[in-house]
């Protein structure tokens, strides 16, 4: 993880704490490309892939986001704090 991703992750973690959102970072064992952040609020779940500013998800990551969306689950990626908050507001309210 780059320093820029760490800053984004810290800001997002604090935002979630301040807004009553469960924020889990982890890996799905044996599932390369699976989003590594899960946010939960009010019975709704958002899988979120954070990227360094200007970077995009890999094809494997995009494939997982599509698979999750196909199952009716909110799954997004972002390279900014503003994008993360927009995804949260769209998916968890």
PDB file of N, CA and C in Angstrom:
ATOM      1  N   UNK A   1       0.851  -1.178   0.000  1.00  0.00           N
ATOM      2  CA  UNK A   1       0.000   0.000   0.000  1.00  0.00           C
ATOM      3  C   UNK A   1       0.893   1.236   0.000  1.00  0.00           C
ATOM      4  N   UNK A   2       0.565   2.205  -0.832  1.00  0.00           N
ATOM      5  CA  UNK A   2       1.357   3.421  -0.925  1.00  0.00           C
ATOM      6  C   UNK A   2       0.955   4.384   0.189  1.00  0.00           C
ATOM      7  N   UNK A   3       1.815   5.358   0.492  1.00  0.00           N
ATOM      8  CA  UNK A   3       1.450   6.354   1.509  1.00  0.00           C
ATOM      9  C   UNK A   3       0.136   7.061   1.183  1.00  0.00           C
ATOM     10  N   UNK A   4      -0.113   7.327  -0.095  1.00  0.00           N
ATOM     11  CA  UNK A   4      -1.356   8.009  -0.464  1.00  0.00           C
ATOM     12  C   UNK A   4      -2.574   7.151  -0.153  1.00  0.00           C
ATOM     13  N   UNK A   5      -2.461   5.833  -0.384  1.00  0.00           N
ATOM     14  CA  UNK A   5      -3.567   4.946  -0.046  1.00  0.00           C
ATOM     15  C   UNK A   5      -3.783   4.906   1.459  1.00  0.00           C
ATOM     16  N   UNK A   6      -2.701   4.948   2.230  1.00  0.00           N
ATOM     17  CA  UNK A   6      -2.823   4.933   3.692  1.00  0.00           C
ATOM     18  C   UNK A   6      -3.579   6.156   4.190  1.00  0.00           C
ATOM     19  N   UNK A   7      -3.280   7.311   3.615  1.00  0.00           N
ATOM     20  CA  UNK A   7      -3.971   8.539   4.008  1.00  0.00           C
ATOM     21  C   UNK A   7      -5.458   8.415   3.692  1.00  0.00           C
ATOM     22  N   UNK A   8      -5.779   7.937   2.502  1.00  0.00           N
ATOM     23  CA  UNK A   8      -7.173   7.748   2.110  1.00  0.00           C
ATOM     24  C   UNK A   8      -7.852   6.757   3.048  1.00  0.00           C
ATOM     25  N   UNK A   9      -7.178   5.667   3.359  1.00  0.00           N
ATOM     26  CA  UNK A   9      -7.758   4.658   4.230  1.00  0.00           C
ATOM     27  C   UNK A   9      -8.018   5.209   5.633  1.00  0.00           C
ATOM     28  N   UNK A  10      -7.080   5.967   6.162  1.00  0.00           N
ATOM     29  CA  UNK A  10      -7.280   6.566   7.491  1.00  0.00           C
ATOM     30  C   UNK A  10      -8.465   7.524   7.500  1.00  0.00           C
ATOM     31  N   UNK A  11      -8.547   8.369   6.486  1.00  0.00           N
ATOM     32  CA  UNK A  11      -9.675   9.319   6.408  1.00  0.00           C
ATOM     33  C   UNK A  11     -11.001   8.578   6.306  1.00  0.00           C
ATOM     34  N   UNK A  12     -11.020   7.532   5.491  1.00  0.00           N
ATOM     35  CA  UNK A  12     -12.242   6.759   5.318  1.00  0.00           C
ATOM     36  C   UNK A  12     -12.612   6.046   6.619  1.00  0.00           C
ATOM     37  N   UNK A  13     -11.622   5.482   7.303  1.00  0.00           N
ATOM     38  CA  UNK A  13     -11.882   4.819   8.580  1.00  0.00           C
ATOM     39  C   UNK A  13     -12.468   5.777   9.594  1.00  0.00           C
ATOM     40  N   UNK A  14     -11.940   6.987   9.666  1.00  0.00           N
ATOM     41  CA  UNK A  14     -12.474   7.990  10.601  1.00  0.00           C
ATOM     42  C   UNK A  14     -13.880   8.416  10.201  1.00  0.00           C
ATOM     43  N   UNK A  15     -14.108   8.601   8.912  1.00  0.00           N
ATOM     44  CA  UNK A  15     -15.444   8.960   8.424  1.00  0.00           C
ATOM     45  C   UNK A  15     -16.455   7.891   8.840  1.00  0.00           C
ATOM     46  N   UNK A  16     -16.091   6.637   8.638  1.00  0.00           N
ATOM     47  CA  UNK A  16     -17.003   5.538   8.985  1.00  0.00           C
ATOM     48  C   UNK A  16     -17.288   5.526  10.482  1.00  0.00           C
ATOM     49  N   UNK A  17     -16.255   5.697  11.286  1.00  0.00           N
ATOM     50  CA  UNK A  17     -16.427   5.733  12.743  1.00  0.00           C
ATOM     51  C   UNK A  17     -17.361   6.870  13.143  1.00  0.00           C
ATOM     52  N   UNK A  18     -17.168   8.029  12.551  1.00  0.00           N
ATOM     53  CA  UNK A  18     -17.993   9.203  12.866  1.00  0.00           C
ATOM     54  C   UNK A  18     -19.440   9.050  12.423  1.00  0.00           C
ATOM     55  N   UNK A  19     -19.700   8.167  11.445  1.00  0.00           N
ATOM     56  CA  UNK A  19     -21.049   8.025  10.886  1.00  0.00           C
ATOM     57  C   UNK A  19     -21.694   6.674  11.196  1.00  0.00           C
ATOM     58  N   UNK A  20     -21.158   5.962  12.165  1.00  0.00           N
ATOM     59  CA  UNK A  20     -21.761   4.705  12.601  1.00  0.00           C
ATOM     60  C   UNK A  20     -21.722   3.596  11.562  1.00  0.00           C
ATOM     61  N   UNK A  21     -20.678   3.572  10.759  1.00  0.00           N
ATOM     62  CA  UNK A  21     -20.534   2.566   9.709  1.00  0.00           C
ATOM     63  C   UNK A  21     -19.487   1.552  10.153  1.00  0.00           C
ATOM     64  N   UNK A  22     -19.828   0.276  10.075  1.00  0.00           N
ATOM     65  CA  UNK A  22     -18.841  -0.769  10.345  1.00  0.00           C
ATOM     66  C   UNK A  22     -17.909  -0.821   9.150  1.00  0.00           C
ATOM     67  N   UNK A  23     -16.604  -0.768   9.421  1.00  0.00           N
ATOM     68  CA  UNK A  23     -15.581  -0.708   8.368  1.00  0.00           C
ATOM     69  C   UNK A  23     -14.623  -1.869   8.588  1.00  0.00           C
ATOM     70  N   UNK A  24     -14.596  -2.791   7.652  1.00  0.00           N
ATOM     71  CA  UNK A  24     -13.751  -3.976   7.776  1.00  0.00           C
ATOM     72  C   UNK A  24     -12.786  -4.023   6.597  1.00  0.00           C
ATOM     73  N   UNK A  25     -11.507  -4.216   6.934  1.00  0.00           N
ATOM     74  CA  UNK A  25     -10.506  -4.403   5.890  1.00  0.00           C
ATOM     75  C   UNK A  25     -10.007  -5.832   6.013  1.00  0.00           C
ATOM     76  N   UNK A  26      -9.978  -6.547   4.904  1.00  0.00           N
ATOM     77  CA  UNK A  26      -9.503  -7.915   4.950  1.00  0.00           C
ATOM     78  C   UNK A  26      -9.311  -8.471   3.557  1.00  0.00           C
ATOM     79  N   UNK A  27      -8.897  -9.705   3.520  1.00  0.00           N
ATOM     80  CA  UNK A  27      -8.684 -10.399   2.251  1.00  0.00           C
ATOM     81  C   UNK A  27      -9.576 -11.633   2.216  1.00  0.00           C
ATOM     82  N   UNK A  28     -10.111 -11.930   1.055  1.00  0.00           N
ATOM     83  CA  UNK A  28     -10.868 -13.167   0.852  1.00  0.00           C
ATOM     84  C   UNK A  28      -9.847 -14.226   0.432  1.00  0.00           C
ATOM     85  N   UNK A  29      -9.545 -15.122   1.326  1.00  0.00           N
ATOM     86  CA  UNK A  29      -8.511 -16.121   1.078  1.00  0.00           C
ATOM     87  C   UNK A  29      -8.764 -16.877  -0.213  1.00  0.00           C
ATOM     88  N   UNK A  30      -7.770 -16.893  -1.076  1.00  0.00           N
ATOM     89  CA  UNK A  30      -7.852 -17.630  -2.330  1.00  0.00           C
ATOM     90  C   UNK A  30      -8.680 -16.950  -3.411  1.00  0.00           C
ATOM     91  N   UNK A  31      -9.105 -15.709  -3.176  1.00  0.00           N
ATOM     92  CA  UNK A  31      -9.941 -14.994  -4.145  1.00  0.00           C
ATOM     93  C   UNK A  31      -9.230 -13.726  -4.596  1.00  0.00           C
ATOM     94  N   UNK A  32      -8.275 -13.863  -5.479  1.00  0.00           N
ATOM     95  CA  UNK A  32      -7.526 -12.708  -5.961  1.00  0.00           C
ATOM     96  C   UNK A  32      -8.460 -11.681  -6.594  1.00  0.00           C
ATOM     97  N   UNK A  33      -8.209 -10.420  -6.273  1.00  0.00           N
ATOM     98  CA  UNK A  33      -8.980  -9.335  -6.859  1.00  0.00           C
ATOM     99  C   UNK A  33     -10.238  -8.967  -6.097  1.00  0.00           C
ATOM    100  N   UNK A  34     -10.597  -9.746  -5.059  1.00  0.00           N
ATOM    101  CA  UNK A  34     -11.812  -9.452  -4.291  1.00  0.00           C
ATOM    102  C   UNK A  34     -11.624  -8.132  -3.544  1.00  0.00           C
ATOM    103  N   UNK A  35     -12.655  -7.266  -3.507  1.00  0.00           N
ATOM    104  CA  UNK A  35     -12.514  -5.982  -2.808  1.00  0.00           C
ATOM    105  C   UNK A  35     -12.075  -6.201  -1.358  1.00  0.00           C
ATOM    106  N   UNK A  36     -11.143  -5.386  -0.900  1.00  0.00           N
ATOM    107  CA  UNK A  36     -10.600  -5.621   0.431  1.00  0.00           C
ATOM    108  C   UNK A  36     -11.193  -4.739   1.522  1.00  0.00           C
ATOM    109  N   UNK A  37     -12.250  -4.034   1.216  1.00  0.00           N
ATOM    110  CA  UNK A  37     -12.958  -3.269   2.245  1.00  0.00           C
ATOM    111  C   UNK A  37     -14.452  -3.554   2.157  1.00  0.00           C
ATOM    112  N   UNK A  38     -15.040  -3.737   3.333  1.00  0.00           N
ATOM    113  CA  UNK A  38     -16.486  -3.972   3.428  1.00  0.00           C
ATOM    114  C   UNK A  38     -17.034  -2.974   4.439  1.00  0.00           C
ATOM    115  N   UNK A  39     -18.074  -2.267   4.040  1.00  0.00           N
ATOM    116  CA  UNK A  39     -18.705  -1.275   4.900  1.00  0.00           C
ATOM    117  C   UNK A  39     -20.157  -1.694   5.109  1.00  0.00           C
ATOM    118  N   UNK A  40     -20.632  -1.569   6.348  1.00  0.00           N
ATOM    119  CA  UNK A  40     -21.984  -2.018   6.686  1.00  0.00           C
ATOM    120  C   UNK A  40     -22.669  -0.932   7.514  1.00  0.00           C
ATOM    121  N   UNK A  41     -23.914  -0.609   7.146  1.00  0.00           N
ATOM    122  CA  UNK A  41     -24.730   0.312   7.935  1.00  0.00           C
ATOM    123  C   UNK A  41     -26.190   0.020   7.638  1.00  0.00           C
ATOM    124  N   UNK A  42     -26.970  -0.092   8.682  1.00  0.00           N
ATOM    125  CA  UNK A  42     -28.417  -0.245   8.533  1.00  0.00           C
ATOM    126  C   UNK A  42     -28.825  -1.456   7.715  1.00  0.00           C
ATOM    127  N   UNK A  43     -28.090  -2.542   7.820  1.00  0.00           N
ATOM    128  CA  UNK A  43     -28.424  -3.758   7.084  1.00  0.00           C
ATOM    129  C   UNK A  43     -27.988  -3.752   5.626  1.00  0.00           C
ATOM    130  N   UNK A  44     -27.309  -2.701   5.216  1.00  0.00           N
ATOM    131  CA  UNK A  44     -26.801  -2.614   3.837  1.00  0.00           C
ATOM    132  C   UNK A  44     -25.291  -2.794   3.837  1.00  0.00           C
ATOM    133  N   UNK A  45     -24.784  -3.393   2.756  1.00  0.00           N
ATOM    134  CA  UNK A  45     -23.362  -3.685   2.643  1.00  0.00           C
ATOM    135  C   UNK A  45     -22.799  -3.055   1.372  1.00  0.00           C
ATOM    136  N   UNK A  46     -21.594  -2.509   1.479  1.00  0.00           N
ATOM    137  CA  UNK A  46     -20.866  -1.972   0.338  1.00  0.00           C
ATOM    138  C   UNK A  46     -19.474  -2.581   0.332  1.00  0.00           C
ATOM    139  N   UNK A  47     -19.097  -3.204  -0.764  1.00  0.00           N
ATOM    140  CA  UNK A  47     -17.723  -3.640  -0.970  1.00  0.00           C
ATOM    141  C   UNK A  47     -17.029  -2.513  -1.723  1.00  0.00           C
ATOM    142  N   UNK A  48     -15.870  -2.107  -1.212  1.00  0.00           N
ATOM    143  CA  UNK A  48     -15.181  -0.947  -1.783  1.00  0.00           C
ATOM    144  C   UNK A  48     -13.716  -1.268  -2.028  1.00  0.00           C
ATOM    145  N   UNK A  49     -13.270  -0.971  -3.226  1.00  0.00           N
ATOM    146  CA  UNK A  49     -11.862  -1.131  -3.593  1.00  0.00           C
ATOM    147  C   UNK A  49     -11.247   0.265  -3.664  1.00  0.00           C
ATOM    148  N   UNK A  50     -10.245   0.526  -2.824  1.00  0.00           N
ATOM    149  CA  UNK A  50      -9.556   1.814  -2.831  1.00  0.00           C
ATOM    150  C   UNK A  50      -8.313   1.726  -3.707  1.00  0.00           C
ATOM    151  N   UNK A  51      -8.122   2.747  -4.515  1.00  0.00           N
ATOM    152  CA  UNK A  51      -6.955   2.810  -5.394  1.00  0.00           C
ATOM    153  C   UNK A  51      -6.214   4.122  -5.147  1.00  0.00           C
ATOM    154  N   UNK A  52      -4.945   4.105  -5.445  1.00  0.00           N
ATOM    155  CA  UNK A  52      -4.143   5.318  -5.384  1.00  0.00           C
ATOM    156  C   UNK A  52      -4.670   6.300  -6.434  1.00  0.00           C
ATOM    157  N   UNK A  53      -4.596   7.592  -6.153  1.00  0.00           N
ATOM    158  CA  UNK A  53      -5.100   8.621  -7.064  1.00  0.00           C
ATOM    159  C   UNK A  53      -4.567   8.395  -8.476  1.00  0.00           C
ATOM    160  N   UNK A  54      -5.482   8.341  -9.427  1.00  0.00           N
ATOM    161  CA  UNK A  54      -5.120   8.164 -10.825  1.00  0.00           C
ATOM    162  C   UNK A  54      -4.979   6.714 -11.263  1.00  0.00           C
ATOM    163  N   UNK A  55      -5.055   5.780 -10.319  1.00  0.00           N
ATOM    164  CA  UNK A  55      -4.944   4.354 -10.664  1.00  0.00           C
ATOM    165  C   UNK A  55      -6.329   3.740 -10.793  1.00  0.00           C
ATOM    166  N   UNK A  56      -6.389   2.651 -11.530  1.00  0.00           N
ATOM    167  CA  UNK A  56      -7.656   1.954 -11.756  1.00  0.00           C
ATOM    168  C   UNK A  56      -7.536   0.511 -11.283  1.00  0.00           C
ATOM    169  N   UNK A  57      -8.682  -0.134 -11.031  1.00  0.00           N
ATOM    170  CA  UNK A  57      -8.639  -1.546 -10.619  1.00  0.00           C
ATOM    171  C   UNK A  57      -8.094  -2.432 -11.738  1.00  0.00           C
ATOM    172  N   UNK A  58      -7.530  -3.549 -11.327  1.00  0.00           N
ATOM    173  CA  UNK A  58      -7.050  -4.548 -12.279  1.00  0.00           C
ATOM    174  C   UNK A  58      -8.247  -5.244 -12.924  1.00  0.00           C
ATOM    175  N   UNK A  59      -8.041  -5.949 -14.013  1.00  0.00           N
ATOM    176  CA  UNK A  59      -9.144  -6.720 -14.610  1.00  0.00           C
ATOM    177  C   UNK A  59      -9.774  -7.703 -13.625  1.00  0.00           C
ATOM    178  N   UNK A  60      -8.964  -8.346 -12.785  1.00  0.00           N
ATOM    179  CA  UNK A  60      -9.527  -9.259 -11.777  1.00  0.00           C
ATOM    180  C   UNK A  60     -10.422  -8.512 -10.790  1.00  0.00           C
ATOM    181  N   UNK A  61      -9.981  -7.330 -10.363  1.00  0.00           N
ATOM    182  CA  UNK A  61     -10.790  -6.536  -9.436  1.00  0.00           C
ATOM    183  C   UNK A  61     -12.081  -6.079 -10.088  1.00  0.00           C
ATOM    184  N   UNK A  62     -12.009  -5.638 -11.333  1.00  0.00           N
ATOM    185  CA  UNK A  62     -13.229  -5.231 -12.044  1.00  0.00           C
ATOM    186  C   UNK A  62     -14.180  -6.409 -12.209  1.00  0.00           C
ATOM    187  N   UNK A  63     -13.643  -7.581 -12.459  1.00  0.00           N
ATOM    188  CA  UNK A  63     -14.471  -8.773 -12.596  1.00  0.00           C
ATOM    189  C   UNK A  63     -15.217  -9.070 -11.289  1.00  0.00           C
ATOM    190  N   UNK A  64     -14.527  -8.967 -10.150  1.00  0.00           N
ATOM    191  CA  UNK A  64     -15.185  -9.189  -8.870  1.00  0.00           C
ATOM    192  C   UNK A  64     -16.277  -8.146  -8.601  1.00  0.00           C
ATOM    193  N   UNK A  65     -16.007  -6.892  -8.916  1.00  0.00           N
ATOM    194  CA  UNK A  65     -17.026  -5.859  -8.723  1.00  0.00           C
ATOM    195  C   UNK A  65     -18.266  -6.184  -9.543  1.00  0.00           C
ATOM    196  N   UNK A  66     -18.075  -6.624 -10.767  1.00  0.00           N
ATOM    197  CA  UNK A  66     -19.200  -6.999 -11.621  1.00  0.00           C
ATOM    198  C   UNK A  66     -19.947  -8.203 -11.052  1.00  0.00           C
ATOM    199  N   UNK A  67     -19.217  -9.221 -10.602  1.00  0.00           N
ATOM    200  CA  UNK A  67     -19.861 -10.405 -10.014  1.00  0.00           C
ATOM    201  C   UNK A  67     -20.715 -10.027  -8.809  1.00  0.00           C
ATOM    202  N   UNK A  68     -20.184  -9.165  -7.954  1.00  0.00           N
ATOM    203  CA  UNK A  68     -20.933  -8.754  -6.769  1.00  0.00           C
ATOM    204  C   UNK A  68     -22.182  -7.967  -7.158  1.00  0.00           C
ATOM    205  N   UNK A  69     -22.041  -7.043  -8.084  1.00  0.00           N
ATOM    206  CA  UNK A  69     -23.195  -6.261  -8.540  1.00  0.00           C
ATOM    207  C   UNK A  69     -24.256  -7.152  -9.165  1.00  0.00           C
ATOM    208  N   UNK A  70     -23.833  -8.172  -9.910  1.00  0.00           N
ATOM    209  CA  UNK A  70     -24.764  -9.106 -10.535  1.00  0.00           C
ATOM    210  C   UNK A  70     -25.596  -9.834  -9.481  1.00  0.00           C
ATOM    211  N   UNK A  71     -25.024 -10.006  -8.291  1.00  0.00           N
ATOM    212  CA  UNK A  71     -25.727 -10.658  -7.188  1.00  0.00           C
ATOM    213  C   UNK A  71     -26.564  -9.669  -6.366  1.00  0.00           C
ATOM    214  N   UNK A  72     -26.625  -8.420  -6.810  1.00  0.00           N
ATOM    215  CA  UNK A  72     -27.429  -7.418  -6.118  1.00  0.00           C
ATOM    216  C   UNK A  72     -26.725  -6.738  -4.956  1.00  0.00           C
ATOM    217  N   UNK A  73     -25.404  -6.874  -4.898  1.00  0.00           N
ATOM    218  CA  UNK A  73     -24.616  -6.291  -3.816  1.00  0.00           C
ATOM    219  C   UNK A  73     -23.954  -5.006  -4.323  1.00  0.00           C
ATOM    220  N   UNK A  74     -23.911  -3.995  -3.484  1.00  0.00           N
ATOM    221  CA  UNK A  74     -23.212  -2.758  -3.844  1.00  0.00           C
ATOM    222  C   UNK A  74     -21.719  -3.010  -3.833  1.00  0.00           C
ATOM    223  N   UNK A  75     -21.050  -2.671  -4.913  1.00  0.00           N
ATOM    224  CA  UNK A  75     -19.613  -2.866  -5.042  1.00  0.00           C
ATOM    225  C   UNK A  75     -19.055  -1.760  -5.935  1.00  0.00           C
ATOM    226  N   UNK A  76     -18.123  -0.982  -5.391  1.00  0.00           N
ATOM    227  CA  UNK A  76     -17.582   0.172  -6.102  1.00  0.00           C
ATOM    228  C   UNK A  76     -16.074   0.244  -5.918  1.00  0.00           C
ATOM    229  N   UNK A  77     -15.445   1.105  -6.696  1.00  0.00           N
ATOM    230  CA  UNK A  77     -14.033   1.421  -6.504  1.00  0.00           C
ATOM    231  C   UNK A  77     -13.887   2.926  -6.578  1.00  0.00           C
ATOM    232  N   UNK A  78     -12.838   3.429  -5.945  1.00  0.00           N
ATOM    233  CA  UNK A  78     -12.582   4.858  -5.985  1.00  0.00           C
ATOM    234  C   UNK A  78     -11.107   5.125  -5.761  1.00  0.00           C
ATOM    235  N   UNK A  79     -10.676   6.287  -6.237  1.00  0.00           N
ATOM    236  CA  UNK A  79      -9.308   6.714  -5.987  1.00  0.00           C
ATOM    237  C   UNK A  79      -9.282   8.022  -5.198  1.00  0.00           C
ATOM    238  N   UNK A  80     -10.417   8.335  -4.521  1.00  0.00           N
ATOM    239  CA  UNK A  80     -10.465   9.578  -3.755  1.00  0.00           C
ATOM    240  C   UNK A  80     -11.403   9.452  -2.557  1.00  0.00           C
ATOM    241  N   UNK A  81     -11.172  10.303  -1.575  1.00  0.00           N
ATOM    242  CA  UNK A  81     -12.046  10.340  -0.407  1.00  0.00           C
ATOM    243  C   UNK A  81     -13.461  10.766  -0.808  1.00  0.00           C
ATOM    244  N   UNK A  82     -13.554  11.768  -1.652  1.00  0.00           N
ATOM    245  CA  UNK A  82     -14.873  12.242  -2.116  1.00  0.00           C
ATOM    246  C   UNK A  82     -15.617  11.108  -2.817  1.00  0.00           C
ATOM    247  N   UNK A  83     -14.920  10.355  -3.660  1.00  0.00           N
ATOM    248  CA  UNK A  83     -15.544   9.226  -4.340  1.00  0.00           C
ATOM    249  C   UNK A  83     -16.022   8.164  -3.367  1.00  0.00           C
ATOM    250  N   UNK A  84     -15.241   7.929  -2.301  1.00  0.00           N
ATOM    251  CA  UNK A  84     -15.639   6.952  -1.286  1.00  0.00           C
ATOM    252  C   UNK A  84     -16.905   7.401  -0.572  1.00  0.00           C
ATOM    253  N   UNK A  85     -16.962   8.674  -0.193  1.00  0.00           N
ATOM    254  CA  UNK A  85     -18.148   9.194   0.491  1.00  0.00           C
ATOM    255  C   UNK A  85     -19.360   9.130  -0.433  1.00  0.00           C
ATOM    256  N   UNK A  86     -19.188   9.449  -1.697  1.00  0.00           N
ATOM    257  CA  UNK A  86     -20.305   9.344  -2.652  1.00  0.00           C
ATOM    258  C   UNK A  86     -20.800   7.914  -2.752  1.00  0.00           C
ATOM    259  N   UNK A  87     -19.898   6.945  -2.811  1.00  0.00           N
ATOM    260  CA  UNK A  87     -20.291   5.540  -2.876  1.00  0.00           C
ATOM    261  C   UNK A  87     -21.046   5.130  -1.612  1.00  0.00           C
ATOM    262  N   UNK A  88     -20.569   5.595  -0.468  1.00  0.00           N
ATOM    263  CA  UNK A  88     -21.245   5.295   0.799  1.00  0.00           C
ATOM    264  C   UNK A  88     -22.651   5.885   0.812  1.00  0.00           C
ATOM    265  N   UNK A  89     -22.759   7.143   0.459  1.00  0.00           N
ATOM    266  CA  UNK A  89     -24.079   7.790   0.487  1.00  0.00           C
ATOM    267  C   UNK A  89     -25.050   7.151  -0.510  1.00  0.00           C
ATOM    268  N   UNK A  90     -24.537   6.707  -1.638  1.00  0.00           N
ATOM    269  CA  UNK A  90     -25.384   6.083  -2.640  1.00  0.00           C
ATOM    270  C   UNK A  90     -25.801   4.670  -2.204  1.00  0.00           C
ATOM    271  N   UNK A  91     -24.935   3.957  -1.531  1.00  0.00           N
ATOM    272  CA  UNK A  91     -25.160   2.546  -1.240  1.00  0.00           C
ATOM    273  C   UNK A  91     -25.673   2.249   0.157  1.00  0.00           C
ATOM    274  N   UNK A  92     -25.355   3.103   1.127  1.00  0.00           N
ATOM    275  CA  UNK A  92     -25.663   2.763   2.515  1.00  0.00           C
ATOM    276  C   UNK A  92     -26.683   3.691   3.177  1.00  0.00           C
ATOM    277  N   UNK A  93     -27.455   4.423   2.365  1.00  0.00           N
ATOM    278  CA  UNK A  93     -28.491   5.261   2.962  1.00  0.00           C
ATOM    279  C   UNK A  93     -29.859   4.821   2.517  1.00  0.00           C
TER     280      UNK A  93
END
